[in-house]
């Protein structure tokens, strides 16, 4: 699920920490766990766009099944993701 928020003028790391996300260990993305386990977790990539900050959000259900592969079981367009999107927008607007 992708969405763009305009007029984001804060440090991305600080913003994501305020939203409950932490830097992902392997790349330029952020994750928020739903429990004490590693999965499931929300996973967000950020990208600067002329129209604002683009969030690319998905839900990782489990990790890669095969060593050396990054493919995983993920949800990209569900009601849970829509709820997380609304939570993010609400927190940013307050």
PDB file of N, CA and C in Angstrom:
ATOM      1  N   UNK A   1       0.847  -1.162   0.000  1.00  0.00           N
ATOM      2  CA  UNK A   1       0.000   0.000   0.000  1.00  0.00           C
ATOM      3  C   UNK A   1       0.896   1.229   0.000  1.00  0.00           C
ATOM      4  N   UNK A   2       0.689   2.078  -0.982  1.00  0.00           N
ATOM      5  CA  UNK A   2       1.469   3.313  -1.055  1.00  0.00           C
ATOM      6  C   UNK A   2       0.551   4.509  -0.821  1.00  0.00           C
ATOM      7  N   UNK A   3       1.098   5.505  -0.102  1.00  0.00           N
ATOM      8  CA  UNK A   3       0.394   6.764   0.089  1.00  0.00           C
ATOM      9  C   UNK A   3       1.425   7.861   0.313  1.00  0.00           C
ATOM     10  N   UNK A   4       1.041   9.087  -0.008  1.00  0.00           N
ATOM     11  CA  UNK A   4       1.948  10.231   0.076  1.00  0.00           C
ATOM     12  C   UNK A   4       1.395  11.232   1.080  1.00  0.00           C
ATOM     13  N   UNK A   5       2.260  11.705   1.968  1.00  0.00           N
ATOM     14  CA  UNK A   5       1.899  12.762   2.911  1.00  0.00           C
ATOM     15  C   UNK A   5       2.705  14.004   2.571  1.00  0.00           C
ATOM     16  N   UNK A   6       2.014  15.128   2.487  1.00  0.00           N
ATOM     17  CA  UNK A   6       2.658  16.388   2.120  1.00  0.00           C
ATOM     18  C   UNK A   6       3.197  17.099   3.354  1.00  0.00           C
ATOM     19  N   UNK A   7       4.142  17.991   3.116  1.00  0.00           N
ATOM     20  CA  UNK A   7       4.684  18.899   4.137  1.00  0.00           C
ATOM     21  C   UNK A   7       5.268  18.188   5.348  1.00  0.00           C
ATOM     22  N   UNK A   8       6.016  17.130   5.131  1.00  0.00           N
ATOM     23  CA  UNK A   8       6.726  16.445   6.208  1.00  0.00           C
ATOM     24  C   UNK A   8       8.103  17.092   6.294  1.00  0.00           C
ATOM     25  N   UNK A   9       8.332  17.870   7.334  1.00  0.00           N
ATOM     26  CA  UNK A   9       9.565  18.653   7.454  1.00  0.00           C
ATOM     27  C   UNK A   9      10.452  18.188   8.605  1.00  0.00           C
ATOM     28  N   UNK A  10      10.306  16.941   9.026  1.00  0.00           N
ATOM     29  CA  UNK A  10      11.108  16.444  10.143  1.00  0.00           C
ATOM     30  C   UNK A  10      12.046  15.351   9.657  1.00  0.00           C
ATOM     31  N   UNK A  11      13.035  15.065  10.465  1.00  0.00           N
ATOM     32  CA  UNK A  11      13.973  13.982  10.200  1.00  0.00           C
ATOM     33  C   UNK A  11      13.204  12.668  10.108  1.00  0.00           C
ATOM     34  N   UNK A  12      13.457  11.888   9.065  1.00  0.00           N
ATOM     35  CA  UNK A  12      12.714  10.643   8.847  1.00  0.00           C
ATOM     36  C   UNK A  12      12.898   9.650   9.987  1.00  0.00           C
ATOM     37  N   UNK A  13      14.096   9.537  10.507  1.00  0.00           N
ATOM     38  CA  UNK A  13      14.340   8.613  11.611  1.00  0.00           C
ATOM     39  C   UNK A  13      13.524   9.020  12.832  1.00  0.00           C
ATOM     40  N   UNK A  14      13.535  10.295  13.174  1.00  0.00           N
ATOM     41  CA  UNK A  14      12.761  10.771  14.319  1.00  0.00           C
ATOM     42  C   UNK A  14      11.264  10.572  14.106  1.00  0.00           C
ATOM     43  N   UNK A  15      10.810  10.850  12.894  1.00  0.00           N
ATOM     44  CA  UNK A  15       9.387  10.662  12.574  1.00  0.00           C
ATOM     45  C   UNK A  15       8.979   9.213  12.761  1.00  0.00           C
ATOM     46  N   UNK A  16       9.741   8.308  12.209  1.00  0.00           N
ATOM     47  CA  UNK A  16       9.373   6.900  12.278  1.00  0.00           C
ATOM     48  C   UNK A  16       9.448   6.358  13.704  1.00  0.00           C
ATOM     49  N   UNK A  17      10.400   6.824  14.466  1.00  0.00           N
ATOM     50  CA  UNK A  17      10.466   6.412  15.876  1.00  0.00           C
ATOM     51  C   UNK A  17       9.238   6.903  16.632  1.00  0.00           C
ATOM     52  N   UNK A  18       8.797   8.125  16.334  1.00  0.00           N
ATOM     53  CA  UNK A  18       7.592   8.667  16.967  1.00  0.00           C
ATOM     54  C   UNK A  18       6.361   7.831  16.610  1.00  0.00           C
ATOM     55  N   UNK A  19       6.374   7.235  15.428  1.00  0.00           N
ATOM     56  CA  UNK A  19       5.267   6.391  14.980  1.00  0.00           C
ATOM     57  C   UNK A  19       5.375   4.948  15.487  1.00  0.00           C
ATOM     58  N   UNK A  20       6.446   4.636  16.218  1.00  0.00           N
ATOM     59  CA  UNK A  20       6.616   3.300  16.769  1.00  0.00           C
ATOM     60  C   UNK A  20       7.428   2.362  15.908  1.00  0.00           C
ATOM     61  N   UNK A  21       8.072   2.901  14.887  1.00  0.00           N
ATOM     62  CA  UNK A  21       8.884   2.092  13.971  1.00  0.00           C
ATOM     63  C   UNK A  21      10.358   2.224  14.332  1.00  0.00           C
ATOM     64  N   UNK A  22      11.110   1.191  13.971  1.00  0.00           N
ATOM     65  CA  UNK A  22      12.547   1.172  14.209  1.00  0.00           C
ATOM     66  C   UNK A  22      13.259   0.857  12.904  1.00  0.00           C
ATOM     67  N   UNK A  23      14.494   1.349  12.748  1.00  0.00           N
ATOM     68  CA  UNK A  23      15.221   1.051  11.501  1.00  0.00           C
ATOM     69  C   UNK A  23      15.349  -0.455  11.294  1.00  0.00           C
ATOM     70  N   UNK A  24      15.112  -0.882  10.085  1.00  0.00           N
ATOM     71  CA  UNK A  24      15.263  -2.294   9.740  1.00  0.00           C
ATOM     72  C   UNK A  24      16.745  -2.584   9.570  1.00  0.00           C
ATOM     73  N   UNK A  25      17.187  -3.725   9.996  1.00  0.00           N
ATOM     74  CA  UNK A  25      18.618  -4.026  10.046  1.00  0.00           C
ATOM     75  C   UNK A  25      19.290  -4.179   8.689  1.00  0.00           C
ATOM     76  N   UNK A  26      18.549  -4.491   7.629  1.00  0.00           N
ATOM     77  CA  UNK A  26      19.181  -4.795   6.356  1.00  0.00           C
ATOM     78  C   UNK A  26      19.142  -3.692   5.310  1.00  0.00           C
ATOM     79  N   UNK A  27      18.315  -2.700   5.470  1.00  0.00           N
ATOM     80  CA  UNK A  27      18.190  -1.713   4.401  1.00  0.00           C
ATOM     81  C   UNK A  27      17.618  -0.398   4.916  1.00  0.00           C
ATOM     82  N   UNK A  28      17.301   0.492   4.015  1.00  0.00           N
ATOM     83  CA  UNK A  28      16.787   1.818   4.355  1.00  0.00           C
ATOM     84  C   UNK A  28      15.272   1.765   4.535  1.00  0.00           C
ATOM     85  N   UNK A  29      14.821   1.003   5.493  1.00  0.00           N
ATOM     86  CA  UNK A  29      13.397   0.876   5.755  1.00  0.00           C
ATOM     87  C   UNK A  29      13.172   0.814   7.257  1.00  0.00           C
ATOM     88  N   UNK A  30      11.893   0.715   7.644  1.00  0.00           N
ATOM     89  CA  UNK A  30      11.519   0.726   9.055  1.00  0.00           C
ATOM     90  C   UNK A  30      10.496  -0.370   9.318  1.00  0.00           C
ATOM     91  N   UNK A  31      10.529  -0.934  10.523  1.00  0.00           N
ATOM     92  CA  UNK A  31       9.609  -2.009  10.882  1.00  0.00           C
ATOM     93  C   UNK A  31       8.977  -1.729  12.237  1.00  0.00           C
ATOM     94  N   UNK A  32       7.746  -2.220  12.399  1.00  0.00           N
ATOM     95  CA  UNK A  32       7.046  -2.148  13.684  1.00  0.00           C
ATOM     96  C   UNK A  32       6.430  -3.513  13.936  1.00  0.00           C
ATOM     97  N   UNK A  33       6.882  -4.163  15.004  1.00  0.00           N
ATOM     98  CA  UNK A  33       6.389  -5.497  15.344  1.00  0.00           C
ATOM     99  C   UNK A  33       4.994  -5.409  15.953  1.00  0.00           C
ATOM    100  N   UNK A  34       4.213  -6.453  15.736  1.00  0.00           N
ATOM    101  CA  UNK A  34       2.869  -6.524  16.295  1.00  0.00           C
ATOM    102  C   UNK A  34       2.831  -7.333  17.586  1.00  0.00           C
ATOM    103  N   UNK A  35       3.939  -7.992  17.903  1.00  0.00           N
ATOM    104  CA  UNK A  35       4.046  -8.770  19.134  1.00  0.00           C
ATOM    105  C   UNK A  35       5.519  -8.831  19.520  1.00  0.00           C
ATOM    106  N   UNK A  36       5.846  -9.635  20.500  1.00  0.00           N
ATOM    107  CA  UNK A  36       7.243  -9.771  20.895  1.00  0.00           C
ATOM    108  C   UNK A  36       8.035 -10.628  19.901  1.00  0.00           C
ATOM    109  N   UNK A  37       7.344 -11.328  19.028  1.00  0.00           N
ATOM    110  CA  UNK A  37       8.003 -12.128  17.984  1.00  0.00           C
ATOM    111  C   UNK A  37       8.458 -11.231  16.843  1.00  0.00           C
ATOM    112  N   UNK A  38       9.359 -11.738  16.013  1.00  0.00           N
ATOM    113  CA  UNK A  38       9.848 -10.964  14.874  1.00  0.00           C
ATOM    114  C   UNK A  38       8.758 -10.736  13.829  1.00  0.00           C
ATOM    115  N   UNK A  39       7.853 -11.697  13.685  1.00  0.00           N
ATOM    116  CA  UNK A  39       6.761 -11.608  12.719  1.00  0.00           C
ATOM    117  C   UNK A  39       5.452 -11.897  13.422  1.00  0.00           C
ATOM    118  N   UNK A  40       4.349 -11.340  12.964  1.00  0.00           N
ATOM    119  CA  UNK A  40       4.192 -10.392  11.860  1.00  0.00           C
ATOM    120  C   UNK A  40       4.681  -9.007  12.254  1.00  0.00           C
ATOM    121  N   UNK A  41       4.965  -8.201  11.239  1.00  0.00           N
ATOM    122  CA  UNK A  41       5.420  -6.828  11.478  1.00  0.00           C
ATOM    123  C   UNK A  41       5.046  -5.953  10.279  1.00  0.00           C
ATOM    124  N   UNK A  42       4.787  -4.691  10.583  1.00  0.00           N
ATOM    125  CA  UNK A  42       4.607  -3.715   9.521  1.00  0.00           C
ATOM    126  C   UNK A  42       5.987  -3.322   9.019  1.00  0.00           C
ATOM    127  N   UNK A  43       6.103  -3.109   7.717  1.00  0.00           N
ATOM    128  CA  UNK A  43       7.380  -2.768   7.108  1.00  0.00           C
ATOM    129  C   UNK A  43       7.136  -1.604   6.154  1.00  0.00           C
ATOM    130  N   UNK A  44       7.910  -0.523   6.320  1.00  0.00           N
ATOM    131  CA  UNK A  44       7.708   0.704   5.543  1.00  0.00           C
ATOM    132  C   UNK A  44       8.998   1.130   4.863  1.00  0.00           C
ATOM    133  N   UNK A  45       8.871   1.473   3.582  1.00  0.00           N
ATOM    134  CA  UNK A  45       9.946   2.134   2.841  1.00  0.00           C
ATOM    135  C   UNK A  45       9.512   3.568   2.620  1.00  0.00           C
ATOM    136  N   UNK A  46      10.425   4.515   2.800  1.00  0.00           N
ATOM    137  CA  UNK A  46      10.139   5.931   2.574  1.00  0.00           C
ATOM    138  C   UNK A  46      10.866   6.405   1.326  1.00  0.00           C
ATOM    139  N   UNK A  47      10.216   7.315   0.593  1.00  0.00           N
ATOM    140  CA  UNK A  47      10.825   7.862  -0.612  1.00  0.00           C
ATOM    141  C   UNK A  47      10.385   9.311  -0.765  1.00  0.00           C
ATOM    142  N   UNK A  48      11.357  10.198  -0.945  1.00  0.00           N
ATOM    143  CA  UNK A  48      11.047  11.605  -1.190  1.00  0.00           C
ATOM    144  C   UNK A  48      10.487  11.760  -2.594  1.00  0.00           C
ATOM    145  N   UNK A  49       9.349  12.411  -2.689  1.00  0.00           N
ATOM    146  CA  UNK A  49       8.709  12.698  -3.977  1.00  0.00           C
ATOM    147  C   UNK A  49       8.447  14.201  -4.048  1.00  0.00           C
ATOM    148  N   UNK A  50       8.310  14.764  -5.248  1.00  0.00           N
ATOM    149  CA  UNK A  50       7.976  16.189  -5.356  1.00  0.00           C
ATOM    150  C   UNK A  50       6.671  16.538  -4.638  1.00  0.00           C
ATOM    151  N   UNK A  51       5.748  15.587  -4.588  1.00  0.00           N
ATOM    152  CA  UNK A  51       4.456  15.840  -3.945  1.00  0.00           C
ATOM    153  C   UNK A  51       4.482  15.615  -2.435  1.00  0.00           C
ATOM    154  N   UNK A  52       5.559  15.047  -1.894  1.00  0.00           N
ATOM    155  CA  UNK A  52       5.649  14.798  -0.460  1.00  0.00           C
ATOM    156  C   UNK A  52       6.440  13.537  -0.155  1.00  0.00           C
ATOM    157  N   UNK A  53       6.215  12.990   1.009  1.00  0.00           N
ATOM    158  CA  UNK A  53       6.922  11.786   1.459  1.00  0.00           C
ATOM    159  C   UNK A  53       6.046  10.569   1.165  1.00  0.00           C
ATOM    160  N   UNK A  54       6.562   9.657   0.338  1.00  0.00           N
ATOM    161  CA  UNK A  54       5.814   8.453  -0.020  1.00  0.00           C
ATOM    162  C   UNK A  54       6.121   7.335   0.971  1.00  0.00           C
ATOM    163  N   UNK A  55       5.065   6.754   1.493  1.00  0.00           N
ATOM    164  CA  UNK A  55       5.153   5.596   2.369  1.00  0.00           C
ATOM    165  C   UNK A  55       4.755   4.373   1.541  1.00  0.00           C
ATOM    166  N   UNK A  56       5.595   3.358   1.526  1.00  0.00           N
ATOM    167  CA  UNK A  56       5.265   2.087   0.898  1.00  0.00           C
ATOM    168  C   UNK A  56       5.180   1.074   2.036  1.00  0.00           C
ATOM    169  N   UNK A  57       3.956   0.726   2.389  1.00  0.00           N
ATOM    170  CA  UNK A  57       3.669  -0.046   3.592  1.00  0.00           C
ATOM    171  C   UNK A  57       3.180  -1.448   3.230  1.00  0.00           C
ATOM    172  N   UNK A  58       3.705  -2.448   3.909  1.00  0.00           N
ATOM    173  CA  UNK A  58       3.179  -3.798   3.794  1.00  0.00           C
ATOM    174  C   UNK A  58       3.329  -4.515   5.132  1.00  0.00           C
ATOM    175  N   UNK A  59       2.673  -5.658   5.231  1.00  0.00           N
ATOM    176  CA  UNK A  59       2.702  -6.457   6.452  1.00  0.00           C
ATOM    177  C   UNK A  59       3.452  -7.746   6.165  1.00  0.00           C
ATOM    178  N   UNK A  60       4.612  -7.913   6.795  1.00  0.00           N
ATOM    179  CA  UNK A  60       5.388  -9.152   6.673  1.00  0.00           C
ATOM    180  C   UNK A  60       4.762 -10.190   7.600  1.00  0.00           C
ATOM    181  N   UNK A  61       4.260 -11.284   7.021  1.00  0.00           N
ATOM    182  CA  UNK A  61       3.672 -12.349   7.826  1.00  0.00           C
ATOM    183  C   UNK A  61       4.726 -13.309   8.370  1.00  0.00           C
ATOM    184  N   UNK A  62       5.780 -13.518   7.565  1.00  0.00           N
ATOM    185  CA  UNK A  62       6.882 -14.382   7.994  1.00  0.00           C
ATOM    186  C   UNK A  62       8.101 -14.028   7.171  1.00  0.00           C
ATOM    187  N   UNK A  63       9.254 -14.525   7.580  1.00  0.00           N
ATOM    188  CA  UNK A  63      10.503 -14.245   6.888  1.00  0.00           C
ATOM    189  C   UNK A  63      10.681 -15.098   5.646  1.00  0.00           C
ATOM    190  N   UNK A  64      11.822 -14.900   5.000  1.00  0.00           N
ATOM    191  CA  UNK A  64      12.148 -15.689   3.802  1.00  0.00           C
ATOM    192  C   UNK A  64      12.243 -17.164   4.169  1.00  0.00           C
ATOM    193  N   UNK A  65      11.769 -17.990   3.276  1.00  0.00           N
ATOM    194  CA  UNK A  65      11.762 -19.438   3.533  1.00  0.00           C
ATOM    195  C   UNK A  65      13.088 -20.107   3.191  1.00  0.00           C
ATOM    196  N   UNK A  66      13.849 -19.487   2.292  1.00  0.00           N
ATOM    197  CA  UNK A  66      15.089 -20.091   1.824  1.00  0.00           C
ATOM    198  C   UNK A  66      16.258 -19.155   2.081  1.00  0.00           C
ATOM    199  N   UNK A  67      17.345 -19.708   2.544  1.00  0.00           N
ATOM    200  CA  UNK A  67      18.547 -18.914   2.815  1.00  0.00           C
ATOM    201  C   UNK A  67      19.019 -18.228   1.536  1.00  0.00           C
ATOM    202  N   UNK A  68      19.370 -16.957   1.661  1.00  0.00           N
ATOM    203  CA  UNK A  68      19.859 -16.204   0.522  1.00  0.00           C
ATOM    204  C   UNK A  68      18.768 -15.540  -0.300  1.00  0.00           C
ATOM    205  N   UNK A  69      17.511 -15.743   0.054  1.00  0.00           N
ATOM    206  CA  UNK A  69      16.397 -15.143  -0.674  1.00  0.00           C
ATOM    207  C   UNK A  69      15.708 -14.094   0.203  1.00  0.00           C
ATOM    208  N   UNK A  70      15.133 -13.089  -0.435  1.00  0.00           N
ATOM    209  CA  UNK A  70      14.417 -12.061   0.315  1.00  0.00           C
ATOM    210  C   UNK A  70      12.907 -12.196   0.183  1.00  0.00           C
ATOM    211  N   UNK A  71      12.443 -13.091  -0.670  1.00  0.00           N
ATOM    212  CA  UNK A  71      11.003 -13.278  -0.851  1.00  0.00           C
ATOM    213  C   UNK A  71      10.385 -13.741   0.464  1.00  0.00           C
ATOM    214  N   UNK A  72       9.206 -13.240   0.752  1.00  0.00           N
ATOM    215  CA  UNK A  72       8.540 -13.568   1.996  1.00  0.00           C
ATOM    216  C   UNK A  72       7.034 -13.535   1.785  1.00  0.00           C
ATOM    217  N   UNK A  73       6.313 -13.940   2.793  1.00  0.00           N
ATOM    218  CA  UNK A  73       4.860 -13.890   2.754  1.00  0.00           C
ATOM    219  C   UNK A  73       4.429 -12.535   3.300  1.00  0.00           C
ATOM    220  N   UNK A  74       3.841 -11.712   2.439  1.00  0.00           N
ATOM    221  CA  UNK A  74       3.453 -10.370   2.867  1.00  0.00           C
ATOM    222  C   UNK A  74       2.096  -9.979   2.341  1.00  0.00           C
ATOM    223  N   UNK A  75       1.436  -9.076   3.073  1.00  0.00           N
ATOM    224  CA  UNK A  75       0.159  -8.513   2.650  1.00  0.00           C
ATOM    225  C   UNK A  75       0.407  -7.082   2.209  1.00  0.00           C
ATOM    226  N   UNK A  76      -0.219  -6.700   1.095  1.00  0.00           N
ATOM    227  CA  UNK A  76       0.025  -5.378   0.524  1.00  0.00           C
ATOM    228  C   UNK A  76      -1.219  -4.514   0.422  1.00  0.00           C
ATOM    229  N   UNK A  77      -2.396  -5.075   0.619  1.00  0.00           N
ATOM    230  CA  UNK A  77      -3.618  -4.291   0.488  1.00  0.00           C
ATOM    231  C   UNK A  77      -4.741  -4.958   1.288  1.00  0.00           C
ATOM    232  N   UNK A  78      -4.719  -4.746   2.600  1.00  0.00           N
ATOM    233  CA  UNK A  78      -5.728  -5.351   3.470  1.00  0.00           C
ATOM    234  C   UNK A  78      -6.304  -4.289   4.396  1.00  0.00           C
ATOM    235  N   UNK A  79      -7.348  -4.658   5.106  1.00  0.00           N
ATOM    236  CA  UNK A  79      -7.970  -3.742   6.059  1.00  0.00           C
ATOM    237  C   UNK A  79      -6.994  -3.376   7.184  1.00  0.00           C
ATOM    238  N   UNK A  80      -6.174  -4.323   7.598  1.00  0.00           N
ATOM    239  CA  UNK A  80      -5.179  -4.062   8.650  1.00  0.00           C
ATOM    240  C   UNK A  80      -4.201  -2.979   8.195  1.00  0.00           C
ATOM    241  N   UNK A  81      -3.781  -3.025   6.933  1.00  0.00           N
ATOM    242  CA  UNK A  81      -2.879  -2.004   6.402  1.00  0.00           C
ATOM    243  C   UNK A  81      -3.577  -0.650   6.318  1.00  0.00           C
ATOM    244  N   UNK A  82      -4.847  -0.652   5.953  1.00  0.00           N
ATOM    245  CA  UNK A  82      -5.595   0.604   5.908  1.00  0.00           C
ATOM    246  C   UNK A  82      -5.704   1.210   7.305  1.00  0.00           C
ATOM    247  N   UNK A  83      -5.912   0.378   8.317  1.00  0.00           N
ATOM    248  CA  UNK A  83      -5.964   0.865   9.700  1.00  0.00           C
ATOM    249  C   UNK A  83      -4.616   1.443  10.124  1.00  0.00           C
ATOM    250  N   UNK A  84      -3.529   0.789   9.736  1.00  0.00           N
ATOM    251  CA  UNK A  84      -2.195   1.300  10.075  1.00  0.00           C
ATOM    252  C   UNK A  84      -1.928   2.618   9.349  1.00  0.00           C
ATOM    253  N   UNK A  85      -2.350   2.718   8.113  1.00  0.00           N
ATOM    254  CA  UNK A  85      -2.216   3.974   7.365  1.00  0.00           C
ATOM    255  C   UNK A  85      -2.945   5.099   8.096  1.00  0.00           C
ATOM    256  N   UNK A  86      -4.164   4.840   8.519  1.00  0.00           N
ATOM    257  CA  UNK A  86      -4.951   5.860   9.237  1.00  0.00           C
ATOM    258  C   UNK A  86      -4.298   6.230  10.569  1.00  0.00           C
ATOM    259  N   UNK A  87      -3.700   5.236  11.249  1.00  0.00           N
ATOM    260  CA  UNK A  87      -2.990   5.505  12.510  1.00  0.00           C
ATOM    261  C   UNK A  87      -1.809   6.418  12.260  1.00  0.00           C
ATOM    262  N   UNK A  88      -1.047   6.156  11.199  1.00  0.00           N
ATOM    263  CA  UNK A  88       0.111   6.974  10.859  1.00  0.00           C
ATOM    264  C   UNK A  88      -0.322   8.403  10.560  1.00  0.00           C
ATOM    265  N   UNK A  89      -1.339   8.549   9.731  1.00  0.00           N
ATOM    266  CA  UNK A  89      -1.824   9.891   9.364  1.00  0.00           C
ATOM    267  C   UNK A  89      -2.307  10.634  10.585  1.00  0.00           C
ATOM    268  N   UNK A  90      -3.039   9.966  11.456  1.00  0.00           N
ATOM    269  CA  UNK A  90      -3.554  10.582  12.681  1.00  0.00           C
ATOM    270  C   UNK A  90      -2.429  11.064  13.588  1.00  0.00           C
ATOM    271  N   UNK A  91      -1.396  10.236  13.776  1.00  0.00           N
ATOM    272  CA  UNK A  91      -0.272  10.618  14.636  1.00  0.00           C
ATOM    273  C   UNK A  91       0.537  11.767  14.043  1.00  0.00           C
ATOM    274  N   UNK A  92       0.688  11.780  12.740  1.00  0.00           N
ATOM    275  CA  UNK A  92       1.451  12.859  12.094  1.00  0.00           C
ATOM    276  C   UNK A  92       0.682  14.172  12.191  1.00  0.00           C
ATOM    277  N   UNK A  93      -0.635  14.119  12.103  1.00  0.00           N
ATOM    278  CA  UNK A  93      -1.438  15.329  12.148  1.00  0.00           C
ATOM    279  C   UNK A  93      -1.648  15.895  13.552  1.00  0.00           C
ATOM    280  N   UNK A  94      -1.191  15.172  14.586  1.00  0.00           N
ATOM    281  CA  UNK A  94      -1.346  15.700  15.948  1.00  0.00           C
ATOM    282  C   UNK A  94      -0.058  16.292  16.459  1.00  0.00           C
TER     283      UNK A  94
END
